[in-house]
Amino acid sequence: MLTLRDPSQGNGGRTVHSIERVEGPNLVLRLIRPDDAEYLHALRINPLYNAHLSAVNGTADDQRRWIEAYRVREAAGLEYYYVIERRDGTRCGVVRLYGIVDDHFNWGSWILDHHKPPKAALESAVLSLASGFSLPGKIRAFIDVRRANTHAQSFYRRFGMTEIHADSHNIYFTYDRATFERDQARHLSVLTGDQT
């Protein structure tokens, strides 16, 4: 079990009880369901959000079938796709842990929409990475980002991710559990406003 500590709560804090639901100060991550297909499809085809994603073909029904097939990978512990929600239940994005093998996982498919609250990028990254690092033996996350996505690159560097490789299309980062654990209290203090 992984504990996310809010510095103002001393030794208390929020606890991630399961991979299925991760709660933070302002956001909740829950595993995607087939009834999220229209939302996910709308995000992926929206030009405001898809400029740096792989192309999407098909319909919301095709997306539903993809989610149903994904649930098999989820049940096997190979992938976890989260819907990001505000505390009032309003969906505001998605993020995915995939390629889960050996001592690592891949982190990506991250989209935040116009319903996101302030600091949603930081909080959704902290919560989803906490979920990945709570998996047995996982000590490293791998992240790739399109070269043209300079906004995400800047965020990853500020967050503490390390660039390890680049090619003509992507830049590749790694992020270690030790760095996450070291920086966790600082990230949570930003989210809770307790920056003493």
N, C-alpha and C. Protein backbone atom coordinates (compact mmCIF):
# COMPACT_ATOMS: atom_id res chain seq x y z
N MET A 1 0.85 -1.18 0.00
CA MET A 1 0.00 0.00 0.00
C MET A 1 0.89 1.24 0.00
N LEU A 2 0.53 2.23 -0.79
CA LEU A 2 1.30 3.45 -0.92
C LEU A 2 0.55 4.58 -0.24
N THR A 3 1.20 5.31 0.63
CA THR A 3 0.56 6.42 1.32
C THR A 3 1.02 7.73 0.70
N LEU A 4 0.05 8.56 0.33
CA LEU A 4 0.33 9.91 -0.16
C LEU A 4 0.14 10.84 1.02
N ARG A 5 1.20 11.44 1.47
CA ARG A 5 1.11 12.27 2.66
C ARG A 5 0.97 13.74 2.31
N ASP A 6 -0.01 14.35 2.90
CA ASP A 6 -0.19 15.80 2.84
C ASP A 6 0.62 16.35 4.01
N PRO A 7 1.61 17.20 3.76
CA PRO A 7 2.48 17.68 4.84
C PRO A 7 1.71 18.29 6.01
N SER A 8 0.57 18.87 5.78
CA SER A 8 -0.19 19.50 6.87
C SER A 8 -0.85 18.46 7.77
N GLN A 9 -0.83 17.19 7.36
CA GLN A 9 -1.47 16.14 8.15
C GLN A 9 -0.47 15.32 8.94
N GLY A 10 0.75 15.79 9.04
CA GLY A 10 1.75 15.06 9.82
C GLY A 10 1.96 13.67 9.27
N ASN A 11 1.76 12.66 10.12
CA ASN A 11 1.95 11.28 9.68
C ASN A 11 0.72 10.70 9.01
N GLY A 12 -0.33 11.48 8.89
CA GLY A 12 -1.55 11.00 8.22
C GLY A 12 -1.41 11.11 6.74
N GLY A 13 -2.51 11.36 6.08
CA GLY A 13 -2.48 11.56 4.64
C GLY A 13 -3.46 10.66 3.94
N ARG A 14 -3.56 10.84 2.66
CA ARG A 14 -4.45 10.00 1.86
C ARG A 14 -3.73 8.71 1.53
N THR A 15 -4.48 7.64 1.45
CA THR A 15 -3.89 6.36 1.15
C THR A 15 -4.50 5.80 -0.13
N VAL A 16 -3.66 5.27 -0.99
CA VAL A 16 -4.12 4.57 -2.17
C VAL A 16 -4.45 3.16 -1.72
N HIS A 17 -5.74 2.84 -1.67
CA HIS A 17 -6.15 1.53 -1.17
C HIS A 17 -6.09 0.46 -2.25
N SER A 18 -6.28 0.86 -3.50
CA SER A 18 -6.27 -0.13 -4.57
C SER A 18 -5.88 0.54 -5.86
N ILE A 19 -5.59 -0.27 -6.84
CA ILE A 19 -5.24 0.23 -8.16
C ILE A 19 -6.49 0.80 -8.84
N GLU A 20 -7.67 0.42 -8.37
CA GLU A 20 -8.92 0.79 -9.02
C GLU A 20 -9.32 2.25 -8.83
N ARG A 21 -8.94 2.83 -7.71
CA ARG A 21 -9.35 4.20 -7.40
C ARG A 21 -8.23 4.87 -6.61
N VAL A 22 -7.80 6.03 -7.10
CA VAL A 22 -6.74 6.78 -6.45
C VAL A 22 -7.28 8.18 -6.18
N GLU A 23 -7.21 8.62 -4.94
CA GLU A 23 -7.79 9.91 -4.57
C GLU A 23 -6.71 10.89 -4.14
N GLY A 24 -6.86 12.12 -4.59
CA GLY A 24 -5.97 13.21 -4.19
C GLY A 24 -6.78 14.34 -3.61
N PRO A 25 -6.14 15.47 -3.35
CA PRO A 25 -6.85 16.61 -2.74
C PRO A 25 -8.00 17.13 -3.60
N ASN A 26 -7.83 17.12 -4.93
CA ASN A 26 -8.83 17.72 -5.82
C ASN A 26 -9.32 16.80 -6.92
N LEU A 27 -8.64 15.69 -7.12
CA LEU A 27 -8.95 14.78 -8.21
C LEU A 27 -9.10 13.34 -7.73
N VAL A 28 -9.81 12.56 -8.52
CA VAL A 28 -9.93 11.12 -8.32
C VAL A 28 -9.59 10.46 -9.65
N LEU A 29 -8.78 9.42 -9.60
CA LEU A 29 -8.54 8.59 -10.78
C LEU A 29 -9.27 7.29 -10.56
N ARG A 30 -10.05 6.88 -11.57
CA ARG A 30 -10.74 5.59 -11.50
C ARG A 30 -10.52 4.87 -12.83
N LEU A 31 -10.54 3.56 -12.78
CA LEU A 31 -10.32 2.79 -14.00
C LEU A 31 -11.43 3.05 -15.01
N ILE A 32 -11.04 3.11 -16.27
CA ILE A 32 -11.98 3.38 -17.35
C ILE A 32 -12.98 2.22 -17.48
N ARG A 33 -14.20 2.57 -17.91
CA ARG A 33 -15.26 1.59 -18.12
C ARG A 33 -15.80 1.74 -19.54
N PRO A 34 -16.47 0.72 -20.05
CA PRO A 34 -17.04 0.85 -21.40
C PRO A 34 -17.97 2.06 -21.56
N ASP A 35 -18.64 2.48 -20.49
CA ASP A 35 -19.53 3.65 -20.63
C ASP A 35 -18.76 4.97 -20.72
N ASP A 36 -17.44 4.92 -20.65
CA ASP A 36 -16.61 6.11 -20.88
C ASP A 36 -16.20 6.25 -22.35
N ALA A 37 -16.66 5.34 -23.20
CA ALA A 37 -16.20 5.31 -24.60
C ALA A 37 -16.49 6.62 -25.34
N GLU A 38 -17.68 7.17 -25.19
CA GLU A 38 -18.00 8.41 -25.90
C GLU A 38 -17.11 9.55 -25.43
N TYR A 39 -16.88 9.63 -24.13
CA TYR A 39 -16.01 10.68 -23.59
C TYR A 39 -14.59 10.53 -24.14
N LEU A 40 -14.03 9.32 -24.09
CA LEU A 40 -12.67 9.10 -24.56
C LEU A 40 -12.56 9.37 -26.06
N HIS A 41 -13.52 8.90 -26.82
CA HIS A 41 -13.50 9.13 -28.26
C HIS A 41 -13.56 10.63 -28.56
N ALA A 42 -14.44 11.35 -27.86
CA ALA A 42 -14.55 12.81 -28.07
C ALA A 42 -13.24 13.52 -27.75
N LEU A 43 -12.56 13.10 -26.69
CA LEU A 43 -11.26 13.68 -26.36
C LEU A 43 -10.25 13.43 -27.47
N ARG A 44 -10.21 12.19 -27.93
CA ARG A 44 -9.18 11.79 -28.89
C ARG A 44 -9.39 12.37 -30.28
N ILE A 45 -10.61 12.74 -30.62
CA ILE A 45 -10.84 13.33 -31.95
C ILE A 45 -10.89 14.86 -31.91
N ASN A 46 -10.83 15.43 -30.72
CA ASN A 46 -10.91 16.89 -30.56
C ASN A 46 -9.55 17.51 -30.91
N PRO A 47 -9.52 18.41 -31.91
CA PRO A 47 -8.23 19.01 -32.31
C PRO A 47 -7.56 19.83 -31.20
N LEU A 48 -8.32 20.24 -30.19
CA LEU A 48 -7.71 20.95 -29.07
C LEU A 48 -6.81 20.03 -28.23
N TYR A 49 -7.08 18.73 -28.28
CA TYR A 49 -6.37 17.79 -27.41
C TYR A 49 -5.56 16.74 -28.16
N ASN A 50 -5.75 16.57 -29.47
CA ASN A 50 -5.14 15.43 -30.13
C ASN A 50 -3.93 15.75 -31.00
N ALA A 51 -3.45 16.97 -30.94
CA ALA A 51 -2.35 17.37 -31.82
C ALA A 51 -1.11 16.50 -31.65
N HIS A 52 -0.89 15.94 -30.47
CA HIS A 52 0.33 15.18 -30.21
C HIS A 52 0.04 13.70 -29.93
N LEU A 53 -1.13 13.24 -30.38
CA LEU A 53 -1.52 11.84 -30.18
C LEU A 53 -1.50 11.10 -31.51
N SER A 54 -1.49 9.78 -31.43
CA SER A 54 -1.62 9.00 -32.65
C SER A 54 -3.04 9.18 -33.20
N ALA A 55 -3.17 9.07 -34.50
CA ALA A 55 -4.46 9.31 -35.16
C ALA A 55 -5.50 8.31 -34.68
N VAL A 56 -6.74 8.77 -34.63
CA VAL A 56 -7.86 7.93 -34.22
C VAL A 56 -8.76 7.68 -35.42
N ASN A 57 -9.05 6.43 -35.64
CA ASN A 57 -10.01 6.05 -36.67
C ASN A 57 -11.17 5.36 -35.97
N GLY A 58 -12.35 5.46 -36.54
CA GLY A 58 -13.47 4.74 -35.97
C GLY A 58 -14.41 5.62 -35.19
N THR A 59 -15.33 4.96 -34.52
CA THR A 59 -16.44 5.61 -33.84
C THR A 59 -16.35 5.38 -32.33
N ALA A 60 -17.30 5.97 -31.63
CA ALA A 60 -17.39 5.73 -30.18
C ALA A 60 -17.67 4.26 -29.90
N ASP A 61 -18.42 3.59 -30.78
CA ASP A 61 -18.65 2.15 -30.60
C ASP A 61 -17.35 1.36 -30.74
N ASP A 62 -16.50 1.78 -31.68
CA ASP A 62 -15.19 1.14 -31.81
C ASP A 62 -14.36 1.37 -30.55
N GLN A 63 -14.46 2.57 -29.98
CA GLN A 63 -13.74 2.89 -28.74
C GLN A 63 -14.25 2.01 -27.60
N ARG A 64 -15.55 1.78 -27.56
CA ARG A 64 -16.14 0.91 -26.52
C ARG A 64 -15.57 -0.51 -26.65
N ARG A 65 -15.50 -1.01 -27.88
CA ARG A 65 -14.94 -2.35 -28.09
C ARG A 65 -13.46 -2.38 -27.67
N TRP A 66 -12.72 -1.30 -27.95
CA TRP A 66 -11.32 -1.23 -27.54
C TRP A 66 -11.23 -1.29 -26.01
N ILE A 67 -12.10 -0.56 -25.32
CA ILE A 67 -12.09 -0.56 -23.84
C ILE A 67 -12.42 -1.96 -23.32
N GLU A 68 -13.37 -2.62 -23.94
CA GLU A 68 -13.72 -3.98 -23.50
C GLU A 68 -12.54 -4.92 -23.67
N ALA A 69 -11.80 -4.79 -24.78
CA ALA A 69 -10.60 -5.62 -24.98
C ALA A 69 -9.51 -5.23 -23.98
N TYR A 70 -9.37 -3.94 -23.72
CA TYR A 70 -8.40 -3.46 -22.73
C TYR A 70 -8.65 -4.09 -21.36
N ARG A 71 -9.91 -4.29 -20.99
CA ARG A 71 -10.25 -4.82 -19.66
C ARG A 71 -9.59 -6.18 -19.43
N VAL A 72 -9.33 -6.94 -20.48
CA VAL A 72 -8.62 -8.22 -20.35
C VAL A 72 -7.18 -7.95 -19.92
N ARG A 73 -6.54 -6.94 -20.53
CA ARG A 73 -5.17 -6.58 -20.15
C ARG A 73 -5.14 -6.03 -18.73
N GLU A 74 -6.17 -5.26 -18.37
CA GLU A 74 -6.27 -4.75 -17.00
C GLU A 74 -6.35 -5.90 -16.00
N ALA A 75 -7.21 -6.87 -16.27
CA ALA A 75 -7.38 -8.01 -15.37
C ALA A 75 -6.08 -8.80 -15.22
N ALA A 76 -5.26 -8.80 -16.25
CA ALA A 76 -3.97 -9.50 -16.21
C ALA A 76 -2.87 -8.66 -15.57
N GLY A 77 -3.19 -7.40 -15.20
CA GLY A 77 -2.19 -6.52 -14.59
C GLY A 77 -1.18 -5.95 -15.57
N LEU A 78 -1.55 -5.91 -16.86
CA LEU A 78 -0.63 -5.43 -17.89
C LEU A 78 -0.83 -3.96 -18.24
N GLU A 79 -1.95 -3.40 -17.83
CA GLU A 79 -2.28 -2.04 -18.24
C GLU A 79 -3.38 -1.50 -17.34
N TYR A 80 -3.30 -0.20 -17.03
CA TYR A 80 -4.35 0.47 -16.25
C TYR A 80 -4.64 1.81 -16.90
N TYR A 81 -5.87 1.99 -17.33
CA TYR A 81 -6.29 3.23 -18.01
C TYR A 81 -7.25 3.95 -17.07
N TYR A 82 -6.87 5.16 -16.69
CA TYR A 82 -7.65 5.92 -15.72
C TYR A 82 -8.42 7.06 -16.37
N VAL A 83 -9.63 7.25 -15.88
CA VAL A 83 -10.37 8.48 -16.14
C VAL A 83 -10.07 9.40 -14.96
N ILE A 84 -9.70 10.63 -15.26
CA ILE A 84 -9.41 11.64 -14.24
C ILE A 84 -10.70 12.42 -14.01
N GLU A 85 -11.12 12.51 -12.76
CA GLU A 85 -12.34 13.24 -12.41
C GLU A 85 -12.06 14.27 -11.34
N ARG A 86 -12.81 15.37 -11.41
CA ARG A 86 -12.81 16.30 -10.29
C ARG A 86 -13.56 15.64 -9.14
N ARG A 87 -13.43 16.20 -7.96
CA ARG A 87 -14.10 15.64 -6.78
C ARG A 87 -15.62 15.59 -6.94
N ASP A 88 -16.20 16.45 -7.80
CA ASP A 88 -17.65 16.43 -8.00
C ASP A 88 -18.08 15.40 -9.04
N GLY A 89 -17.14 14.59 -9.54
CA GLY A 89 -17.45 13.53 -10.49
C GLY A 89 -17.36 13.94 -11.96
N THR A 90 -17.04 15.20 -12.23
CA THR A 90 -16.90 15.66 -13.61
C THR A 90 -15.61 15.12 -14.20
N ARG A 91 -15.73 14.43 -15.31
CA ARG A 91 -14.54 13.91 -15.99
C ARG A 91 -13.74 15.08 -16.56
N CYS A 92 -12.42 15.00 -16.43
CA CYS A 92 -11.58 16.08 -16.95
C CYS A 92 -10.31 15.57 -17.62
N GLY A 93 -10.21 14.26 -17.87
CA GLY A 93 -9.05 13.75 -18.57
C GLY A 93 -8.87 12.26 -18.43
N VAL A 94 -7.76 11.79 -18.99
CA VAL A 94 -7.39 10.37 -18.93
C VAL A 94 -5.87 10.26 -18.81
N VAL A 95 -5.41 9.14 -18.30
CA VAL A 95 -3.98 8.82 -18.24
C VAL A 95 -3.86 7.31 -18.17
N ARG A 96 -2.75 6.78 -18.68
CA ARG A 96 -2.63 5.33 -18.79
C ARG A 96 -1.27 4.84 -18.32
N LEU A 97 -1.28 3.70 -17.64
CA LEU A 97 -0.08 2.94 -17.30
C LEU A 97 -0.13 1.69 -18.17
N TYR A 98 0.92 1.43 -18.93
CA TYR A 98 0.90 0.30 -19.85
C TYR A 98 2.30 -0.26 -19.99
N GLY A 99 2.43 -1.37 -20.70
CA GLY A 99 3.74 -2.00 -20.83
C GLY A 99 4.32 -2.36 -19.48
N ILE A 100 3.47 -2.84 -18.60
CA ILE A 100 3.87 -3.14 -17.22
C ILE A 100 4.54 -4.50 -17.19
N VAL A 101 5.86 -4.48 -17.03
CA VAL A 101 6.64 -5.72 -16.97
C VAL A 101 7.83 -5.51 -16.04
N ASP A 102 8.37 -6.62 -15.58
CA ASP A 102 9.59 -6.61 -14.78
C ASP A 102 9.57 -5.49 -13.72
N ASP A 103 10.52 -4.55 -13.83
CA ASP A 103 10.64 -3.51 -12.81
C ASP A 103 10.14 -2.15 -13.27
N HIS A 104 9.39 -2.10 -14.38
CA HIS A 104 8.99 -0.79 -14.91
C HIS A 104 7.61 -0.81 -15.56
N PHE A 105 7.17 0.40 -15.92
CA PHE A 105 5.92 0.60 -16.65
C PHE A 105 6.08 1.83 -17.52
N ASN A 106 5.20 1.96 -18.49
CA ASN A 106 5.14 3.16 -19.34
C ASN A 106 3.99 4.02 -18.86
N TRP A 107 4.19 5.31 -18.92
CA TRP A 107 3.19 6.28 -18.46
C TRP A 107 2.86 7.18 -19.65
N GLY A 108 1.57 7.36 -19.95
CA GLY A 108 1.23 8.22 -21.07
C GLY A 108 -0.25 8.26 -21.38
N SER A 109 -0.57 8.53 -22.65
CA SER A 109 -1.96 8.72 -23.11
C SER A 109 -2.66 9.76 -22.23
N TRP A 110 -1.91 10.77 -21.83
CA TRP A 110 -2.34 11.76 -20.84
C TRP A 110 -3.01 12.92 -21.55
N ILE A 111 -4.28 13.13 -21.24
CA ILE A 111 -5.05 14.25 -21.80
C ILE A 111 -5.82 14.89 -20.66
N LEU A 112 -5.75 16.20 -20.56
CA LEU A 112 -6.58 16.97 -19.63
C LEU A 112 -7.44 17.91 -20.46
N ASP A 113 -8.73 17.95 -20.16
CA ASP A 113 -9.63 18.80 -20.94
C ASP A 113 -9.95 20.10 -20.23
N HIS A 114 -10.87 20.86 -20.79
CA HIS A 114 -11.19 22.20 -20.27
C HIS A 114 -11.92 22.18 -18.92
N HIS A 115 -12.33 21.01 -18.45
CA HIS A 115 -12.99 20.90 -17.14
C HIS A 115 -11.97 20.72 -16.00
N LYS A 116 -10.71 20.68 -16.33
CA LYS A 116 -9.69 20.41 -15.30
C LYS A 116 -9.62 21.56 -14.30
N PRO A 117 -9.42 21.23 -13.02
CA PRO A 117 -9.22 22.29 -12.03
C PRO A 117 -7.78 22.79 -12.07
N PRO A 118 -7.48 23.88 -11.37
CA PRO A 118 -6.09 24.34 -11.30
C PRO A 118 -5.18 23.23 -10.75
N LYS A 119 -3.98 23.16 -11.27
CA LYS A 119 -2.94 22.21 -10.85
C LYS A 119 -3.29 20.76 -11.16
N ALA A 120 -4.24 20.54 -12.09
CA ALA A 120 -4.63 19.18 -12.46
C ALA A 120 -3.49 18.40 -13.08
N ALA A 121 -2.62 19.07 -13.82
CA ALA A 121 -1.49 18.36 -14.43
C ALA A 121 -0.61 17.75 -13.35
N LEU A 122 -0.23 18.55 -12.38
CA LEU A 122 0.62 18.06 -11.30
C LEU A 122 -0.08 16.95 -10.52
N GLU A 123 -1.33 17.17 -10.15
CA GLU A 123 -2.02 16.19 -9.32
C GLU A 123 -2.26 14.88 -10.06
N SER A 124 -2.68 14.94 -11.32
CA SER A 124 -2.94 13.70 -12.06
C SER A 124 -1.64 12.94 -12.30
N ALA A 125 -0.53 13.65 -12.51
CA ALA A 125 0.76 12.98 -12.65
C ALA A 125 1.17 12.30 -11.35
N VAL A 126 1.04 13.02 -10.23
CA VAL A 126 1.41 12.44 -8.93
C VAL A 126 0.56 11.20 -8.63
N LEU A 127 -0.75 11.31 -8.83
CA LEU A 127 -1.63 10.19 -8.49
C LEU A 127 -1.39 8.98 -9.39
N SER A 128 -1.25 9.21 -10.68
CA SER A 128 -1.08 8.07 -11.59
C SER A 128 0.29 7.42 -11.41
N LEU A 129 1.33 8.23 -11.21
CA LEU A 129 2.65 7.65 -10.96
C LEU A 129 2.68 6.92 -9.61
N ALA A 130 1.99 7.45 -8.62
CA ALA A 130 1.89 6.75 -7.33
C ALA A 130 1.26 5.39 -7.52
N SER A 131 0.24 5.32 -8.36
CA SER A 131 -0.41 4.05 -8.65
C SER A 131 0.58 3.08 -9.30
N GLY A 132 1.33 3.56 -10.28
CA GLY A 132 2.32 2.70 -10.94
C GLY A 132 3.40 2.22 -10.00
N PHE A 133 3.90 3.12 -9.17
CA PHE A 133 4.97 2.74 -8.25
C PHE A 133 4.47 1.89 -7.07
N SER A 134 3.14 1.83 -6.89
CA SER A 134 2.60 0.95 -5.86
C SER A 134 2.55 -0.51 -6.31
N LEU A 135 2.74 -0.74 -7.60
CA LEU A 135 2.77 -2.11 -8.11
C LEU A 135 4.04 -2.81 -7.64
N PRO A 136 3.95 -4.07 -7.29
CA PRO A 136 5.12 -4.78 -6.76
C PRO A 136 6.34 -4.71 -7.69
N GLY A 137 7.45 -4.27 -7.12
CA GLY A 137 8.72 -4.27 -7.82
C GLY A 137 8.93 -3.19 -8.86
N LYS A 138 8.00 -2.28 -9.01
CA LYS A 138 8.13 -1.25 -10.05
C LYS A 138 8.96 -0.08 -9.52
N ILE A 139 10.12 0.14 -10.17
CA ILE A 139 11.04 1.18 -9.71
C ILE A 139 11.29 2.25 -10.77
N ARG A 140 10.70 2.09 -11.96
CA ARG A 140 10.99 3.05 -13.03
C ARG A 140 9.78 3.20 -13.96
N ALA A 141 9.54 4.43 -14.38
CA ALA A 141 8.53 4.71 -15.40
C ALA A 141 9.24 5.24 -16.64
N PHE A 142 8.73 4.85 -17.80
CA PHE A 142 9.23 5.36 -19.07
C PHE A 142 8.14 6.21 -19.71
N ILE A 143 8.54 7.31 -20.30
CA ILE A 143 7.61 8.27 -20.88
C ILE A 143 8.16 8.69 -22.23
N ASP A 144 7.29 8.79 -23.23
CA ASP A 144 7.73 9.37 -24.50
C ASP A 144 6.79 10.50 -24.86
N VAL A 145 7.33 11.48 -25.53
CA VAL A 145 6.56 12.67 -25.89
C VAL A 145 6.99 13.11 -27.28
N ARG A 146 6.03 13.57 -28.06
CA ARG A 146 6.33 14.07 -29.40
C ARG A 146 7.24 15.29 -29.28
N ARG A 147 8.18 15.41 -30.20
CA ARG A 147 9.10 16.56 -30.20
C ARG A 147 8.35 17.89 -30.21
N ALA A 148 7.25 17.94 -30.93
CA ALA A 148 6.51 19.19 -31.06
C ALA A 148 5.75 19.57 -29.78
N ASN A 149 5.61 18.64 -28.85
CA ASN A 149 4.86 18.90 -27.62
C ASN A 149 5.78 19.51 -26.56
N THR A 150 6.18 20.73 -26.80
CA THR A 150 7.13 21.41 -25.91
C THR A 150 6.53 21.69 -24.53
N HIS A 151 5.23 21.88 -24.47
CA HIS A 151 4.56 22.12 -23.19
C HIS A 151 4.73 20.90 -22.27
N ALA A 152 4.45 19.70 -22.80
CA ALA A 152 4.62 18.49 -21.99
C ALA A 152 6.08 18.26 -21.63
N GLN A 153 6.99 18.50 -22.57
CA GLN A 153 8.41 18.33 -22.27
C GLN A 153 8.83 19.21 -21.10
N SER A 154 8.39 20.45 -21.09
CA SER A 154 8.73 21.36 -20.00
C SER A 154 8.20 20.85 -18.67
N PHE A 155 6.96 20.37 -18.69
CA PHE A 155 6.36 19.83 -17.46
C PHE A 155 7.19 18.63 -16.97
N TYR A 156 7.52 17.71 -17.86
CA TYR A 156 8.26 16.52 -17.46
C TYR A 156 9.60 16.88 -16.83
N ARG A 157 10.27 17.85 -17.40
CA ARG A 157 11.57 18.27 -16.84
C ARG A 157 11.38 18.92 -15.47
N ARG A 158 10.40 19.79 -15.33
CA ARG A 158 10.13 20.42 -14.02
C ARG A 158 9.76 19.37 -12.98
N PHE A 159 9.05 18.35 -13.41
CA PHE A 159 8.60 17.29 -12.50
C PHE A 159 9.78 16.45 -12.01
N GLY A 160 10.87 16.41 -12.77
CA GLY A 160 12.06 15.66 -12.37
C GLY A 160 12.36 14.47 -13.25
N MET A 161 11.66 14.35 -14.39
CA MET A 161 11.94 13.26 -15.32
C MET A 161 13.23 13.56 -16.06
N THR A 162 13.94 12.50 -16.45
CA THR A 162 15.24 12.62 -17.09
C THR A 162 15.16 12.17 -18.54
N GLU A 163 15.62 13.02 -19.44
CA GLU A 163 15.66 12.66 -20.85
C GLU A 163 16.75 11.61 -21.06
N ILE A 164 16.40 10.52 -21.77
CA ILE A 164 17.36 9.45 -21.99
C ILE A 164 17.65 9.19 -23.46
N HIS A 165 16.78 9.67 -24.35
CA HIS A 165 16.98 9.38 -25.77
C HIS A 165 16.04 10.29 -26.57
N ALA A 166 16.39 10.47 -27.83
CA ALA A 166 15.51 11.21 -28.74
C ALA A 166 15.69 10.65 -30.14
N ASP A 167 14.61 10.69 -30.91
CA ASP A 167 14.70 10.35 -32.33
C ASP A 167 13.99 11.45 -33.11
N SER A 168 13.73 11.23 -34.36
CA SER A 168 13.17 12.30 -35.18
C SER A 168 11.74 12.66 -34.79
N HIS A 169 11.02 11.78 -34.08
CA HIS A 169 9.62 12.03 -33.72
C HIS A 169 9.39 12.28 -32.23
N ASN A 170 10.17 11.61 -31.38
CA ASN A 170 9.89 11.60 -29.95
C ASN A 170 11.13 11.92 -29.11
N ILE A 171 10.85 12.33 -27.88
CA ILE A 171 11.87 12.43 -26.83
C ILE A 171 11.44 11.46 -25.74
N TYR A 172 12.39 10.71 -25.22
CA TYR A 172 12.10 9.65 -24.25
C TYR A 172 12.67 10.05 -22.89
N PHE A 173 11.85 9.84 -21.87
CA PHE A 173 12.22 10.18 -20.50
C PHE A 173 12.11 8.95 -19.62
N THR A 174 12.79 9.00 -18.49
CA THR A 174 12.62 8.00 -17.44
C THR A 174 12.37 8.75 -16.14
N TYR A 175 11.70 8.07 -15.23
CA TYR A 175 11.41 8.65 -13.92
C TYR A 175 11.48 7.53 -12.90
N ASP A 176 12.33 7.69 -11.90
CA ASP A 176 12.58 6.64 -10.93
C ASP A 176 11.70 6.78 -9.69
N ARG A 177 11.39 5.64 -9.11
CA ARG A 177 10.60 5.62 -7.88
C ARG A 177 11.29 6.42 -6.77
N ALA A 178 12.60 6.32 -6.67
CA ALA A 178 13.33 7.04 -5.62
C ALA A 178 13.14 8.54 -5.77
N THR A 179 13.15 9.04 -7.00
CA THR A 179 12.91 10.47 -7.23
C THR A 179 11.49 10.84 -6.87
N PHE A 180 10.54 9.99 -7.24
CA PHE A 180 9.14 10.22 -6.89
C PHE A 180 8.97 10.31 -5.38
N GLU A 181 9.53 9.35 -4.66
CA GLU A 181 9.40 9.34 -3.20
C GLU A 181 10.07 10.56 -2.58
N ARG A 182 11.21 10.98 -3.13
CA ARG A 182 11.91 12.16 -2.62
C ARG A 182 11.07 13.42 -2.81
N ASP A 183 10.41 13.55 -3.96
CA ASP A 183 9.70 14.78 -4.32
C ASP A 183 8.22 14.78 -3.96
N GLN A 184 7.70 13.67 -3.50
CA GLN A 184 6.27 13.53 -3.24
C GLN A 184 5.74 14.59 -2.27
N ALA A 185 6.39 14.82 -1.17
CA ALA A 185 5.92 15.80 -0.19
C ALA A 185 5.89 17.21 -0.79
N ARG A 186 6.90 17.55 -1.58
CA ARG A 186 6.93 18.87 -2.23
C ARG A 186 5.77 19.02 -3.21
N HIS A 187 5.51 17.99 -4.02
CA HIS A 187 4.40 18.05 -4.96
C HIS A 187 3.07 18.20 -4.22
N LEU A 188 2.89 17.43 -3.15
CA LEU A 188 1.63 17.52 -2.41
C LEU A 188 1.47 18.86 -1.71
N SER A 189 2.57 19.46 -1.27
CA SER A 189 2.46 20.77 -0.63
C SER A 189 2.01 21.82 -1.63
N VAL A 190 2.43 21.69 -2.88
CA VAL A 190 1.96 22.60 -3.94
C VAL A 190 0.45 22.44 -4.14
N LEU A 191 -0.01 21.20 -4.11
CA LEU A 191 -1.42 20.91 -4.34
C LEU A 191 -2.32 21.36 -3.19
N THR A 192 -1.81 21.28 -1.98
CA THR A 192 -2.62 21.65 -0.82
C THR A 192 -2.40 23.08 -0.36
N GLY A 193 -1.45 23.77 -1.00
CA GLY A 193 -1.20 25.17 -0.65
C GLY A 193 -0.37 25.34 0.60
N ASP A 194 0.21 24.25 1.12
CA ASP A 194 1.03 24.32 2.34
C ASP A 194 2.50 24.34 1.95
N GLN A 195 2.98 25.50 1.51
CA GLN A 195 4.37 25.61 1.05
C GLN A 195 5.19 26.42 2.06
N THR A 196 5.27 25.88 3.26
CA THR A 196 6.03 26.58 4.31
C THR A 196 7.49 26.29 4.22
